[in-house]
Amino acid sequence: MIEDDSPTPDTLTAANDNAAAMARIDRAALILARLLGRQMARDAFERLKAANDNRPPDSGGP
């Protein structure tokens, strides 16, 4: 009888097993999204500030 030396199913990995690479990509995408969100918030805050740059008149009487 010929012995079968092929690997058992526990030691096989899928050809498309990209879990580690996808985890790095997911982490990078999350960091990028946070940075973009912060920049968008800064821009929105600047627009509010620039749109309301009129100073009230001095309340000191003559």
N, C-alpha and C. Protein backbone atom coordinates (compact mmCIF):
# COMPACT_ATOMS: atom_id res chain seq x y z
N MET A 1 0.83 -1.17 0.00
CA MET A 1 0.00 0.00 0.00
C MET A 1 0.88 1.24 0.00
N ILE A 2 0.52 2.24 -0.79
CA ILE A 2 1.28 3.48 -0.89
C ILE A 2 0.75 4.47 0.14
N GLU A 3 1.69 5.06 0.88
CA GLU A 3 1.28 6.04 1.90
C GLU A 3 1.05 7.40 1.24
N ASP A 4 0.04 8.05 1.72
CA ASP A 4 -0.30 9.38 1.21
C ASP A 4 0.35 10.44 2.10
N ASP A 5 1.31 11.20 1.56
CA ASP A 5 2.02 12.22 2.32
C ASP A 5 1.46 13.62 2.06
N SER A 6 0.30 13.70 1.50
CA SER A 6 -0.27 15.03 1.23
C SER A 6 -0.69 15.68 2.56
N PRO A 7 -0.67 16.99 2.60
CA PRO A 7 -1.00 17.68 3.85
C PRO A 7 -2.46 17.47 4.24
N THR A 8 -2.67 17.51 5.53
CA THR A 8 -4.03 17.36 6.02
C THR A 8 -4.78 18.68 5.81
N PRO A 9 -6.08 18.66 5.83
CA PRO A 9 -6.86 19.90 5.61
C PRO A 9 -6.55 20.99 6.64
N ASP A 10 -6.07 20.64 7.83
CA ASP A 10 -5.76 21.65 8.84
C ASP A 10 -4.56 22.50 8.45
N THR A 11 -3.66 21.97 7.65
CA THR A 11 -2.45 22.70 7.30
C THR A 11 -2.56 23.41 5.96
N LEU A 12 -3.65 23.23 5.27
CA LEU A 12 -3.84 23.90 3.98
C LEU A 12 -4.30 25.34 4.20
N THR A 13 -3.82 26.22 3.36
CA THR A 13 -4.31 27.60 3.38
C THR A 13 -4.89 27.91 2.01
N ALA A 14 -5.87 28.74 2.01
CA ALA A 14 -6.53 29.09 0.76
C ALA A 14 -5.60 29.93 -0.10
N ALA A 15 -5.74 29.81 -1.39
CA ALA A 15 -4.90 30.58 -2.31
C ALA A 15 -5.20 32.07 -2.22
N ASN A 16 -6.42 32.41 -1.85
CA ASN A 16 -6.81 33.82 -1.76
C ASN A 16 -6.89 34.30 -0.31
N ASP A 17 -6.08 33.73 0.56
CA ASP A 17 -6.08 34.11 1.97
C ASP A 17 -5.26 35.38 2.14
N ASN A 18 -5.93 36.52 2.08
CA ASN A 18 -5.26 37.81 2.17
C ASN A 18 -5.66 38.53 3.44
N ALA A 19 -5.94 37.83 4.50
CA ALA A 19 -6.45 38.45 5.72
C ALA A 19 -5.47 39.46 6.30
N ALA A 20 -4.19 39.14 6.32
CA ALA A 20 -3.20 40.06 6.89
C ALA A 20 -3.08 41.32 6.04
N ALA A 21 -3.04 41.14 4.74
CA ALA A 21 -2.93 42.29 3.84
C ALA A 21 -4.19 43.15 3.93
N MET A 22 -5.34 42.53 4.01
CA MET A 22 -6.59 43.29 4.09
C MET A 22 -6.68 44.03 5.42
N ALA A 23 -6.16 43.45 6.49
CA ALA A 23 -6.18 44.14 7.78
C ALA A 23 -5.34 45.40 7.72
N ARG A 24 -4.19 45.35 7.05
CA ARG A 24 -3.35 46.54 6.90
C ARG A 24 -4.05 47.60 6.06
N ILE A 25 -4.69 47.16 4.99
CA ILE A 25 -5.41 48.10 4.12
C ILE A 25 -6.57 48.72 4.87
N ASP A 26 -7.31 47.92 5.62
CA ASP A 26 -8.44 48.45 6.39
C ASP A 26 -7.96 49.47 7.41
N ARG A 27 -6.86 49.20 8.08
CA ARG A 27 -6.33 50.11 9.08
C ARG A 27 -5.88 51.42 8.41
N ALA A 28 -5.23 51.32 7.26
CA ALA A 28 -4.78 52.51 6.53
C ALA A 28 -5.98 53.33 6.05
N ALA A 29 -7.01 52.66 5.58
CA ALA A 29 -8.21 53.37 5.12
C ALA A 29 -8.89 54.08 6.28
N LEU A 30 -8.91 53.47 7.45
CA LEU A 30 -9.52 54.09 8.61
C LEU A 30 -8.74 55.33 9.04
N ILE A 31 -7.42 55.24 9.03
CA ILE A 31 -6.59 56.40 9.38
C ILE A 31 -6.81 57.52 8.38
N LEU A 32 -6.84 57.19 7.10
CA LEU A 32 -7.07 58.19 6.06
C LEU A 32 -8.43 58.85 6.22
N ALA A 33 -9.45 58.07 6.51
CA ALA A 33 -10.79 58.62 6.70
C ALA A 33 -10.84 59.57 7.89
N ARG A 34 -10.15 59.21 8.97
CA ARG A 34 -10.11 60.10 10.14
C ARG A 34 -9.42 61.42 9.80
N LEU A 35 -8.30 61.33 9.09
CA LEU A 35 -7.57 62.54 8.72
C LEU A 35 -8.40 63.43 7.81
N LEU A 36 -9.08 62.82 6.85
CA LEU A 36 -9.93 63.60 5.95
C LEU A 36 -11.09 64.23 6.71
N GLY A 37 -11.67 63.50 7.63
CA GLY A 37 -12.77 64.05 8.42
C GLY A 37 -12.32 65.23 9.27
N ARG A 38 -11.14 65.13 9.84
CA ARG A 38 -10.62 66.25 10.64
C ARG A 38 -10.37 67.47 9.77
N GLN A 39 -9.83 67.25 8.57
CA GLN A 39 -9.57 68.37 7.67
C GLN A 39 -10.89 69.01 7.23
N MET A 40 -11.89 68.20 6.96
CA MET A 40 -13.19 68.73 6.57
C MET A 40 -13.80 69.55 7.70
N ALA A 41 -13.63 69.09 8.94
CA ALA A 41 -14.14 69.83 10.09
C ALA A 41 -13.41 71.16 10.23
N ARG A 42 -12.10 71.16 10.03
CA ARG A 42 -11.33 72.42 10.10
C ARG A 42 -11.80 73.39 9.03
N ASP A 43 -12.00 72.89 7.82
CA ASP A 43 -12.46 73.75 6.73
C ASP A 43 -13.83 74.34 7.02
N ALA A 44 -14.73 73.52 7.54
CA ALA A 44 -16.07 74.00 7.87
C ALA A 44 -16.01 75.05 8.96
N PHE A 45 -15.16 74.85 9.95
CA PHE A 45 -15.01 75.82 11.02
C PHE A 45 -14.47 77.14 10.49
N GLU A 46 -13.51 77.08 9.58
CA GLU A 46 -12.96 78.30 8.98
C GLU A 46 -14.02 79.03 8.16
N ARG A 47 -14.86 78.30 7.45
CA ARG A 47 -15.92 78.95 6.67
C ARG A 47 -16.89 79.68 7.59
N LEU A 48 -17.22 79.08 8.73
CA LEU A 48 -18.12 79.73 9.67
C LEU A 48 -17.48 81.01 10.23
N LYS A 49 -16.23 80.91 10.53
CA LYS A 49 -15.52 82.05 11.09
C LYS A 49 -15.39 83.16 10.05
N ALA A 50 -15.07 82.81 8.82
CA ALA A 50 -14.89 83.80 7.76
C ALA A 50 -16.22 84.44 7.37
N ALA A 51 -17.31 83.69 7.45
CA ALA A 51 -18.61 84.23 7.06
C ALA A 51 -19.14 85.21 8.11
N ASN A 52 -18.64 85.14 9.30
CA ASN A 52 -19.13 86.00 10.37
C ASN A 52 -17.97 86.83 10.94
N ASP A 53 -17.26 87.54 10.07
CA ASP A 53 -16.11 88.29 10.54
C ASP A 53 -16.43 89.76 10.83
N ASN A 54 -17.70 90.12 10.74
CA ASN A 54 -18.09 91.49 11.07
C ASN A 54 -18.04 91.67 12.58
N ARG A 55 -17.40 92.71 13.00
CA ARG A 55 -17.33 92.99 14.42
C ARG A 55 -18.47 93.93 14.80
N PRO A 56 -19.02 93.71 15.98
CA PRO A 56 -20.09 94.63 16.40
C PRO A 56 -19.52 96.02 16.65
N PRO A 57 -20.34 97.04 16.41
CA PRO A 57 -19.84 98.41 16.65
C PRO A 57 -19.52 98.60 18.13
N ASP A 58 -18.62 99.53 18.40
CA ASP A 58 -18.27 99.83 19.78
C ASP A 58 -19.50 100.35 20.51
N SER A 59 -19.70 99.84 21.70
CA SER A 59 -20.88 100.27 22.46
C SER A 59 -20.56 101.48 23.33
N GLY A 60 -19.33 101.95 23.28
CA GLY A 60 -18.96 103.12 24.07
C GLY A 60 -19.60 104.39 23.48
N GLY A 61 -20.26 105.16 24.33
CA GLY A 61 -20.96 106.37 23.85
C GLY A 61 -20.00 107.52 23.60
N PRO A 62 -20.48 108.60 22.95
CA PRO A 62 -19.63 109.75 22.63
C PRO A 62 -19.33 110.62 23.83
